[in-house]
Protein backbone atom coordinates (compact mmCIF):
# COMPACT_ATOMS: atom_id res chain seq x y z
CA MET A 1 -104.56 -23.03 70.37
CA SER A 2 -102.77 -19.89 71.36
CA GLY A 3 -99.65 -18.85 73.28
CA PHE A 4 -97.62 -21.95 72.67
CA VAL A 5 -94.37 -22.41 74.57
CA VAL A 6 -91.60 -24.58 73.28
CA ARG A 7 -88.53 -25.86 75.26
CA ARG A 8 -85.21 -27.38 74.37
CA VAL A 9 -85.57 -31.25 74.45
CA SER A 10 -82.72 -33.91 74.96
CA GLY A 11 -83.64 -36.04 72.03
CA LEU A 12 -86.19 -37.38 69.68
CA LYS A 13 -86.83 -41.19 69.69
CA GLY A 14 -89.26 -43.56 67.82
CA SER A 15 -91.32 -43.81 64.76
CA VAL A 16 -93.58 -41.26 63.08
CA TYR A 17 -96.68 -42.09 61.24
CA ILE A 18 -97.91 -39.31 59.14
CA LEU A 19 -101.19 -39.05 57.21
CA GLY A 20 -101.16 -38.92 53.39
CA ASP A 21 -99.52 -36.38 51.20
CA LYS A 22 -101.68 -33.24 50.63
CA SER A 23 -100.85 -33.00 46.89
CA VAL A 24 -101.68 -36.51 46.20
CA ALA A 25 -104.83 -36.52 48.30
CA HIS A 26 -106.30 -33.45 46.44
CA ARG A 27 -105.75 -35.23 43.17
CA ALA A 28 -107.07 -38.60 44.30
CA ILE A 29 -110.47 -36.77 45.20
CA ILE A 30 -110.46 -34.96 42.07
CA PHE A 31 -109.83 -37.90 39.58
CA GLY A 32 -112.03 -40.23 41.75
CA ALA A 33 -114.99 -37.75 41.19
CA LEU A 34 -114.35 -37.60 37.57
CA SER A 35 -114.34 -41.26 36.89
CA LYS A 36 -117.31 -43.72 37.22
CA GLY A 37 -117.89 -45.85 40.32
CA LYS A 38 -116.27 -45.95 43.72
CA THR A 39 -112.80 -45.02 44.64
CA VAL A 40 -111.48 -45.76 48.00
CA ILE A 41 -108.78 -43.55 49.36
CA GLU A 42 -106.54 -44.89 52.18
CA ASN A 43 -104.34 -42.86 54.50
CA PHE A 44 -106.38 -39.65 53.62
CA PRO A 45 -105.16 -36.64 55.45
CA PHE A 46 -108.27 -34.98 57.21
CA ASN A 47 -106.66 -31.49 57.35
CA GLU A 48 -108.36 -28.34 56.42
CA ASP A 49 -106.99 -28.02 52.85
CA CYS A 50 -107.91 -31.46 51.74
CA LEU A 51 -111.44 -31.19 53.38
CA SER A 52 -111.87 -28.08 51.22
CA THR A 53 -111.55 -30.18 48.15
CA VAL A 54 -113.87 -32.68 49.64
CA ALA A 55 -116.43 -29.90 50.19
CA VAL A 56 -116.16 -28.59 46.74
CA PHE A 57 -116.89 -31.89 45.06
CA LYS A 58 -119.87 -32.41 47.48
CA GLN A 59 -121.44 -29.06 46.28
CA LEU A 60 -120.86 -30.38 42.82
CA GLY A 61 -123.10 -33.43 43.28
CA ILE A 62 -120.40 -36.08 44.19
CA SER A 63 -121.03 -38.37 47.17
CA ILE A 64 -118.03 -38.78 49.45
CA ASN A 65 -118.16 -40.45 52.63
CA LYS A 66 -115.81 -41.04 55.52
CA ARG A 67 -115.36 -44.93 56.26
CA THR A 68 -112.65 -44.60 59.09
CA GLU A 69 -110.32 -42.10 60.57
CA SER A 70 -108.02 -42.28 57.62
CA VAL A 71 -110.23 -43.75 54.70
CA ILE A 72 -112.80 -42.10 52.61
CA GLU A 73 -114.96 -43.34 49.63
CA VAL A 74 -115.58 -41.26 46.45
CA LYS A 75 -118.45 -42.21 44.20
CA GLY A 76 -117.73 -40.67 40.89
CA ASN A 77 -120.08 -39.67 38.22
CA GLY A 78 -117.83 -39.74 35.14
CA LEU A 79 -116.05 -36.98 33.31
CA TYR A 80 -119.08 -35.10 32.52
CA GLY A 81 -121.21 -35.94 35.73
CA LEU A 82 -120.59 -32.93 37.88
CA LYS A 83 -123.67 -30.83 38.70
CA LYS A 84 -123.99 -27.06 38.93
CA ALA A 85 -123.57 -25.82 42.68
CA VAL A 86 -126.69 -24.19 44.17
CA SER A 87 -124.71 -21.51 45.98
CA PRO A 88 -121.12 -20.21 45.63
CA ILE A 89 -118.30 -22.49 46.42
CA PHE A 90 -115.92 -21.72 49.35
CA VAL A 91 -112.48 -23.24 49.20
CA GLY A 92 -111.10 -21.79 52.37
CA GLU A 93 -107.47 -21.13 52.32
CA SER A 94 -106.55 -24.04 49.96
CA GLY A 95 -104.49 -22.61 47.10
CA THR A 96 -104.30 -26.15 45.31
CA THR A 97 -108.09 -26.50 45.55
CA PHE A 98 -108.76 -23.05 43.99
CA ARG A 99 -106.14 -23.23 41.24
CA LEU A 100 -106.98 -26.89 40.13
CA MET A 101 -110.74 -26.21 40.40
CA THR A 102 -110.35 -23.16 38.27
CA GLY A 103 -108.97 -25.30 35.47
CA LEU A 104 -111.57 -28.05 35.90
CA LEU A 105 -114.57 -25.76 36.23
CA ALA A 106 -113.49 -23.87 32.94
CA GLY A 107 -114.65 -26.75 30.90
CA GLN A 108 -118.13 -27.48 32.68
CA GLY A 109 -121.53 -26.83 31.12
CA PHE A 110 -122.61 -24.45 34.04
CA LYS A 111 -121.50 -21.22 35.81
CA THR A 112 -119.68 -21.51 39.18
CA GLU A 113 -118.75 -18.90 41.69
CA LEU A 114 -115.46 -19.74 43.43
CA VAL A 115 -114.63 -17.91 46.63
CA ALA A 116 -111.49 -18.14 48.68
CA GLY A 117 -110.63 -17.20 52.41
CA LYS A 118 -108.94 -14.08 53.38
CA ALA A 119 -105.34 -14.91 53.04
CA LEU A 120 -105.95 -16.89 49.72
CA SER A 121 -107.86 -13.88 48.23
CA GLY A 122 -104.54 -12.01 48.39
CA ARG A 123 -102.48 -14.64 46.40
CA PRO A 124 -102.09 -13.79 42.59
CA MET A 125 -103.92 -16.00 40.19
CA LEU A 126 -103.23 -14.58 36.78
CA ARG A 127 -100.60 -17.15 36.30
CA VAL A 128 -103.58 -19.65 36.10
CA THR A 129 -106.30 -17.55 34.26
CA ARG A 130 -103.95 -16.44 31.49
CA PRO A 131 -103.44 -19.89 29.82
CA LEU A 132 -106.98 -20.90 30.62
CA ARG A 133 -108.16 -17.95 28.63
CA LEU A 134 -106.07 -19.06 25.84
CA MET A 135 -108.08 -22.26 25.91
CA GLY A 136 -111.27 -20.27 25.68
CA ALA A 137 -112.17 -20.17 29.40
CA ASP A 138 -114.50 -17.54 30.55
CA ILE A 139 -113.23 -16.48 33.88
CA ALA A 140 -113.96 -13.06 35.79
CA GLY A 141 -111.94 -12.30 38.82
CA CYS A 142 -110.58 -9.16 40.71
CA ARG A 143 -107.93 -7.29 38.80
CA ARG A 144 -105.47 -5.14 40.78
CA ASN A 145 -101.77 -4.41 40.63
CA ARG A 146 -101.39 -6.09 37.25
CA ASP A 147 -102.64 -9.36 38.61
CA GLU A 148 -105.81 -11.13 39.25
CA TYR A 149 -107.25 -12.55 42.58
CA PRO A 150 -110.11 -14.39 43.83
CA PRO A 151 -113.06 -14.50 43.94
CA PHE A 152 -113.81 -15.91 40.49
CA THR A 153 -116.80 -16.39 38.40
CA ILE A 154 -116.36 -19.16 35.80
CA GLN A 155 -118.72 -19.71 32.92
CA GLY A 156 -118.14 -23.03 31.50
CA LYS A 157 -117.32 -23.10 27.86
CA ASP A 158 -116.21 -25.59 25.04
CA LEU A 159 -112.37 -25.46 25.31
CA HIS A 160 -109.63 -26.00 22.77
CA SER A 161 -106.38 -27.39 23.19
CA ILE A 162 -103.12 -25.29 23.46
CA THR A 163 -99.35 -25.82 23.71
CA TYR A 164 -98.18 -23.64 26.83
CA ARG A 165 -94.78 -23.00 28.08
CA LEU A 166 -94.93 -22.28 31.82
CA PRO A 167 -93.30 -18.88 32.53
CA VAL A 168 -93.25 -19.88 36.38
CA ALA A 169 -92.43 -23.26 37.79
CA SER A 170 -95.83 -24.17 39.36
CA ALA A 171 -97.47 -27.70 39.69
CA GLN A 172 -100.70 -26.03 40.56
CA VAL A 173 -100.78 -24.11 37.27
CA LYS A 174 -99.56 -27.21 35.26
CA GLY A 175 -102.27 -29.27 36.97
CA ALA A 176 -104.98 -26.59 36.28
CA ILE A 177 -104.08 -26.72 32.45
CA LEU A 178 -104.03 -30.49 32.25
CA LEU A 179 -107.42 -30.86 34.04
CA ALA A 180 -108.91 -28.16 31.60
CA GLY A 181 -107.17 -30.31 28.81
CA LEU A 182 -109.46 -33.22 29.86
CA TYR A 183 -112.28 -31.27 28.33
CA ALA A 184 -110.63 -29.45 25.46
CA SER A 185 -110.86 -30.64 21.80
CA GLY A 186 -107.45 -32.00 20.55
CA LYS A 187 -104.10 -32.52 22.52
CA THR A 188 -103.00 -29.94 25.35
CA LYS A 189 -99.38 -29.81 25.78
CA VAL A 190 -97.59 -28.16 28.83
CA ILE A 191 -93.90 -27.47 28.61
CA GLU A 192 -91.94 -26.80 31.83
CA GLN A 193 -88.58 -24.84 32.12
CA MET A 194 -87.88 -26.45 35.50
CA ALA A 195 -89.44 -29.74 36.74
CA THR A 196 -92.28 -29.31 39.25
CA ARG A 197 -94.26 -31.95 41.14
CA ASP A 198 -95.91 -34.43 38.75
CA HIS A 199 -98.61 -35.76 40.72
CA THR A 200 -101.29 -34.73 38.45
CA GLU A 201 -99.55 -36.60 35.60
CA ARG A 202 -99.16 -39.65 37.70
CA MET A 203 -102.71 -39.63 38.69
CA MET A 204 -103.82 -39.23 34.97
CA GLN A 205 -101.94 -42.34 34.08
CA LEU A 206 -103.44 -44.17 37.05
CA PHE A 207 -106.90 -43.33 35.91
CA LYS A 208 -106.10 -44.20 32.27
CA ALA A 209 -106.44 -40.78 30.73
CA LYS A 210 -105.06 -40.35 27.24
CA PHE A 211 -101.91 -38.85 28.58
CA SER A 212 -98.18 -38.97 27.81
CA ALA A 213 -95.24 -37.36 29.29
CA LYS A 214 -91.57 -37.09 27.72
CA GLY A 215 -88.95 -34.92 29.28
CA ASN A 216 -90.31 -31.47 30.18
CA VAL A 217 -93.53 -31.86 28.01
CA ALA A 218 -96.81 -33.32 29.34
CA MET A 219 -99.80 -33.93 27.05
CA VAL A 220 -103.36 -34.88 27.45
CA ARG A 221 -106.14 -35.43 24.95
CA GLY A 222 -109.63 -34.29 25.84
CA GLY A 223 -112.98 -36.11 25.99
CA VAL A 224 -111.88 -39.42 27.16
CA GLU A 225 -113.49 -40.98 30.11
CA LEU A 226 -111.36 -41.88 33.18
CA VAL A 227 -111.25 -45.36 34.89
CA SER A 228 -110.85 -45.76 38.52
CA PRO A 229 -108.28 -48.21 40.02
CA ARG A 230 -110.81 -48.56 42.68
CA LYS A 231 -108.37 -48.17 45.57
CA ILE A 232 -105.55 -45.62 46.19
CA TYR A 233 -103.06 -45.46 49.11
CA VAL A 234 -101.67 -41.93 49.83
CA PRO A 235 -98.05 -42.22 51.01
CA ALA A 236 -97.02 -39.96 53.91
CA ASP A 237 -96.32 -36.31 53.05
CA ILE A 238 -92.64 -35.55 52.86
CA SER A 239 -93.46 -31.92 53.24
CA SER A 240 -94.73 -32.74 56.73
CA ALA A 241 -91.91 -35.29 57.21
CA ALA A 242 -89.35 -32.40 56.55
CA PHE A 243 -90.07 -30.75 60.02
CA PHE A 244 -89.36 -34.14 61.74
CA MET A 245 -86.32 -34.95 59.70
CA VAL A 246 -84.78 -31.33 60.52
CA ALA A 247 -85.87 -31.66 64.23
CA ALA A 248 -83.96 -35.08 64.53
CA ALA A 249 -80.96 -33.76 62.70
CA ILE A 250 -80.50 -30.63 64.87
CA ILE A 251 -81.34 -32.11 68.35
CA PRO A 252 -78.44 -34.22 69.79
CA GLY A 253 -79.28 -37.75 70.83
CA SER A 254 -82.02 -38.08 68.19
CA GLU A 255 -82.93 -41.12 66.00
CA ILE A 256 -86.33 -41.55 64.32
CA THR A 257 -88.06 -43.52 61.53
CA ILE A 258 -90.63 -41.93 59.34
CA LYS A 259 -92.90 -44.56 57.85
CA ASN A 260 -94.15 -44.89 54.26
CA VAL A 261 -93.14 -41.42 52.98
CA ILE A 262 -93.68 -40.47 49.38
CA LEU A 263 -90.26 -40.72 47.58
CA ASN A 264 -91.42 -39.10 44.22
CA PRO A 265 -88.26 -37.83 42.34
CA SER A 266 -89.94 -34.37 41.98
CA ARG A 267 -90.16 -34.15 45.74
CA MET A 268 -86.67 -35.41 46.83
CA GLY A 269 -85.14 -32.00 46.92
CA ILE A 270 -85.22 -32.04 50.82
CA ILE A 271 -83.45 -35.39 51.01
CA HIS A 272 -80.89 -34.14 48.52
CA VAL A 273 -80.30 -30.94 50.48
CA LEU A 274 -80.04 -32.48 53.92
CA LYS A 275 -77.39 -35.02 52.90
CA ARG A 276 -75.32 -32.34 51.45
CA MET A 277 -75.60 -30.63 54.79
CA GLY A 278 -74.23 -33.75 56.43
CA VAL A 279 -77.49 -35.09 57.95
CA ARG A 280 -77.23 -38.87 58.81
CA LEU A 281 -80.33 -39.92 56.65
CA THR A 282 -81.11 -43.33 55.01
CA ILE A 283 -84.16 -44.74 53.14
CA LYS A 284 -85.31 -48.09 53.64
CA GLY A 285 -87.72 -50.35 51.82
CA LYS A 286 -88.16 -48.06 48.81
CA MET A 287 -91.05 -49.27 46.51
CA CYS A 288 -93.37 -48.08 43.83
CA GLN A 289 -96.75 -49.51 43.93
CA GLY A 290 -99.51 -49.43 41.22
CA PRO A 291 -102.20 -51.60 39.62
CA GLY A 292 -101.01 -55.27 39.83
CA LYS A 293 -97.98 -54.47 41.95
CA GLY A 294 -99.25 -55.29 45.47
CA LYS A 295 -102.49 -54.71 47.48
CA LYS A 296 -101.91 -50.89 47.96
CA VAL A 297 -102.28 -48.71 44.99
CA SER A 298 -100.15 -45.50 45.76
CA GLY A 299 -101.11 -43.50 42.67
CA GLY A 300 -97.88 -44.66 40.93
CA GLU A 301 -95.88 -42.93 43.70
CA PRO A 302 -92.73 -44.58 45.22
CA MET A 303 -92.57 -44.61 48.98
CA GLY A 304 -90.36 -45.94 51.80
CA ASP A 305 -89.18 -45.26 55.39
CA ILE A 306 -86.86 -42.49 56.27
CA VAL A 307 -84.43 -42.84 59.19
CA VAL A 308 -82.69 -39.74 60.49
CA ARG A 309 -80.03 -39.36 63.22
CA SER A 310 -78.70 -36.39 64.98
CA SER A 311 -76.05 -34.74 62.97
CA ILE A 312 -73.36 -32.06 62.74
CA LEU A 313 -74.77 -29.83 60.01
CA LYS A 314 -72.60 -27.74 57.57
CA ALA A 315 -73.68 -24.98 55.23
CA THR A 316 -74.66 -25.77 51.54
CA THR A 317 -76.05 -23.71 48.56
CA ILE A 318 -79.63 -24.36 47.35
CA SER A 319 -79.90 -23.36 43.55
CA LYS A 320 -82.88 -21.76 41.88
CA TYR A 321 -83.03 -25.08 39.88
CA GLU A 322 -83.73 -26.95 43.22
CA VAL A 323 -86.28 -24.64 44.62
CA PRO A 324 -89.35 -26.06 42.84
CA SER A 325 -88.79 -29.45 44.32
CA LEU A 326 -88.57 -28.17 48.03
CA ILE A 327 -90.53 -24.88 47.98
CA ASP A 328 -92.69 -25.78 50.95
CA GLU A 329 -89.69 -27.18 52.83
CA ILE A 330 -87.56 -23.97 52.78
CA PRO A 331 -88.84 -22.49 55.97
CA VAL A 332 -87.81 -25.55 58.11
CA LEU A 333 -84.44 -25.73 55.99
CA MET A 334 -83.91 -22.00 57.14
CA VAL A 335 -84.03 -23.37 60.70
CA ALA A 336 -81.35 -25.98 59.86
CA ALA A 337 -79.30 -23.26 58.11
CA ALA A 338 -79.21 -21.23 61.36
CA LEU A 339 -77.71 -24.08 63.27
CA ALA A 340 -75.26 -25.27 60.54
CA LYS A 341 -71.63 -24.35 60.28
CA GLY A 342 -70.98 -21.65 57.67
CA LYS A 343 -73.12 -19.63 55.45
CA THR A 344 -76.17 -21.34 53.73
CA VAL A 345 -77.48 -19.71 50.40
CA PHE A 346 -80.94 -19.99 49.07
CA GLU A 347 -81.28 -18.83 45.55
CA GLY A 348 -84.40 -17.97 43.53
CA VAL A 349 -86.73 -18.05 46.39
CA HIS A 350 -89.10 -15.20 45.09
CA GLU A 351 -92.16 -17.58 45.18
CA LEU A 352 -92.03 -17.56 49.04
CA ARG A 353 -93.51 -14.11 48.88
CA VAL A 354 -96.79 -15.40 47.55
CA LYS A 355 -97.50 -18.42 49.74
CA GLU A 356 -100.07 -18.44 52.53
CA THR A 357 -98.06 -15.42 53.95
CA ASP A 358 -94.84 -13.78 52.82
CA ARG A 359 -92.52 -16.61 54.08
CA ILE A 360 -89.33 -14.63 53.44
CA CYS A 361 -90.78 -11.89 55.78
CA SER A 362 -92.16 -14.24 58.38
CA MET A 363 -89.27 -16.55 58.67
CA THR A 364 -86.36 -13.93 58.61
CA GLU A 365 -88.17 -11.75 61.11
CA ASN A 366 -88.57 -14.88 63.64
CA LEU A 367 -85.09 -16.26 63.22
CA ARG A 368 -83.50 -12.85 63.59
CA LYS A 369 -85.41 -12.42 66.98
CA MET A 370 -83.76 -15.68 67.84
CA GLY A 371 -80.35 -14.51 66.93
CA GLY A 372 -80.04 -15.68 63.40
CA LYS A 373 -77.82 -13.75 61.21
CA ILE A 374 -79.91 -13.35 57.79
CA LEU A 375 -79.31 -11.52 54.59
CA VAL A 376 -82.06 -11.02 52.00
CA SER A 377 -81.02 -9.53 48.64
CA LYS A 378 -82.44 -9.15 45.14
CA VAL A 379 -80.63 -10.68 42.25
CA GLY A 380 -82.10 -9.98 38.91
CA GLY A 381 -85.84 -10.61 39.08
CA SER A 382 -85.38 -13.01 41.99
CA GLU A 383 -84.38 -13.06 45.64
CA ARG A 384 -81.71 -14.60 47.55
CA ILE A 385 -81.43 -15.65 51.35
CA GLU A 386 -78.10 -15.88 53.00
CA ILE A 387 -77.95 -17.46 56.55
CA LEU A 388 -74.82 -17.70 58.77
CA GLY A 389 -75.14 -20.46 61.24
CA THR A 390 -74.77 -18.89 64.71
CA GLY A 391 -77.20 -20.91 66.88
CA LEU A 392 -80.58 -19.93 68.15
CA ARG A 393 -82.02 -18.52 71.50
CA GLY A 394 -85.31 -18.19 72.98
CA ALA A 395 -87.65 -15.37 71.91
CA GLN A 396 -91.34 -14.20 71.38
CA VAL A 397 -92.12 -15.00 67.66
CA LYS A 398 -95.18 -15.21 65.57
CA SER A 399 -96.78 -17.77 63.23
CA PHE A 400 -98.11 -14.94 60.85
CA GLY A 401 -101.19 -17.35 60.42
CA ASP A 402 -98.92 -19.70 58.24
CA HIS A 403 -98.93 -23.38 59.18
CA ARG A 404 -95.33 -23.85 57.77
CA THR A 405 -93.95 -20.88 59.61
CA ALA A 406 -95.65 -22.10 62.92
CA MET A 407 -94.18 -25.61 62.59
CA SER A 408 -90.76 -24.33 61.73
CA MET A 409 -90.91 -22.32 64.84
CA ILE A 410 -91.82 -25.25 67.00
CA VAL A 411 -88.68 -27.16 65.54
CA ALA A 412 -86.47 -24.19 66.10
CA GLY A 413 -87.75 -24.14 69.71
CA LEU A 414 -86.97 -27.70 70.28
CA ALA A 415 -83.12 -26.99 69.62
CA ALA A 416 -82.82 -23.19 70.98
CA ALA A 417 -81.40 -22.03 74.24
CA GLY A 418 -84.15 -20.63 76.08
CA LEU A 419 -88.01 -20.60 75.83
CA VAL A 420 -89.54 -19.95 72.40
CA ARG A 421 -93.29 -18.47 72.67
CA ILE A 422 -95.13 -18.62 69.62
CA ASP A 423 -98.37 -16.35 69.43
CA ASP A 424 -100.68 -18.78 67.78
CA ILE A 425 -100.45 -22.11 66.21
CA SER A 426 -103.93 -22.80 65.32
CA CYS A 427 -103.05 -22.40 61.63
CA ILE A 428 -101.25 -25.72 61.74
CA LYS A 429 -104.69 -27.52 61.31
CA LYS A 430 -104.44 -26.44 57.69
CA SER A 431 -102.01 -29.27 56.82
CA PHE A 432 -101.19 -31.05 60.03
CA PRO A 433 -103.61 -31.14 62.81
CA GLY A 434 -101.76 -33.72 64.94
CA PHE A 435 -98.24 -32.24 64.65
CA VAL A 436 -97.80 -31.11 68.22
CA LYS A 437 -99.08 -34.59 69.68
CA VAL A 438 -96.69 -36.37 67.21
CA ILE A 439 -93.68 -34.22 68.48
CA ALA A 440 -94.62 -34.90 72.28
CA GLY A 441 -94.60 -38.72 71.44
CA LEU A 442 -91.14 -38.52 70.13
CA THR A 443 -90.02 -36.49 73.20
CA GLY A 444 -91.52 -39.03 75.58
CA LYS A 445 -93.78 -36.51 77.02
């Protein structure tokens, strides 16, 4: 879809049903493939990123079948049951797939070529390969500008355990190390300076790995077969829900309910920030389901319904310690900041430079075209964004080929004075193919 036009609406009403959380879905596929027997995954999001992970495991000899429009079945072959791919494995633009599979493939008994799409091939990977090489991994990538980039050639090796302190806050790097740790001798420990998403850890516990976590330390013992829970329900993606939360908050006359949203503590940053900004937001029916705690197994993830009503927003400061818990939600929070009273500050946001696109660049350029007043500055080795709430007007903007930038611009257009024209929103298929249809349903159109 190209040349998309967005108009201001008078209010959003109704309930929102969002397919499963990408982060949980990726890991459900991975752990289902590494355990023996069938794992049925319900509320699976059939977006491009998650389908990349499915395609990878099919090439590695795992049977994965689509049962319904939201359910798939994975037939695992056990921890040591993967087979060598007959050709290079293409992961598209899914950074989660590429980084987690780099850790997993490092401990296999065969060689794999891992190839990425154009945008992902420009994202830095030394943060992943450095600790894996400390474990004995044999990985050859493309070195340039003091970093390393796809494609990778990974020669599986016998790995040994390490204790590693993460220099950057990254759930993907943590996950890659822990997955490699499943194949390493001894106990592999990962120590975080700032807490990140813990979906890998929760999935390890669900699949009965020899795993433990205490404080900022996660530990796994290698060589232990996994046990499938047989059925997993993937709660709705809070990163996708964030666009609806902000839209309902900034559009007068709105009231929506977002159903079965993941409420993992490591993902609640968006909730905390919006409440500080004065958003009328409540959570209903919070629950944490797992084996023996109900019909649905949600990977040990808490979930519930989120109700959001239109609000008068005020500015806030997002500290660098909060950023890891809402890194994917910052683009749409920048839209909220442009419509809030006062100056909103985002600290420690340098990681936005190395997402699907440079999101500091994409969002500041677009919001400035729409009348936003934004200052970006460097503080130490990081970056800071300041946005003065002045309102937004119609303009011609670009998605920059980034799904979260595109969806953020649609949300901005729903509240802006005048038409907002977006050059291309086809990139939304990466995470939320039905986004426009869901928005339309809430406007009554």
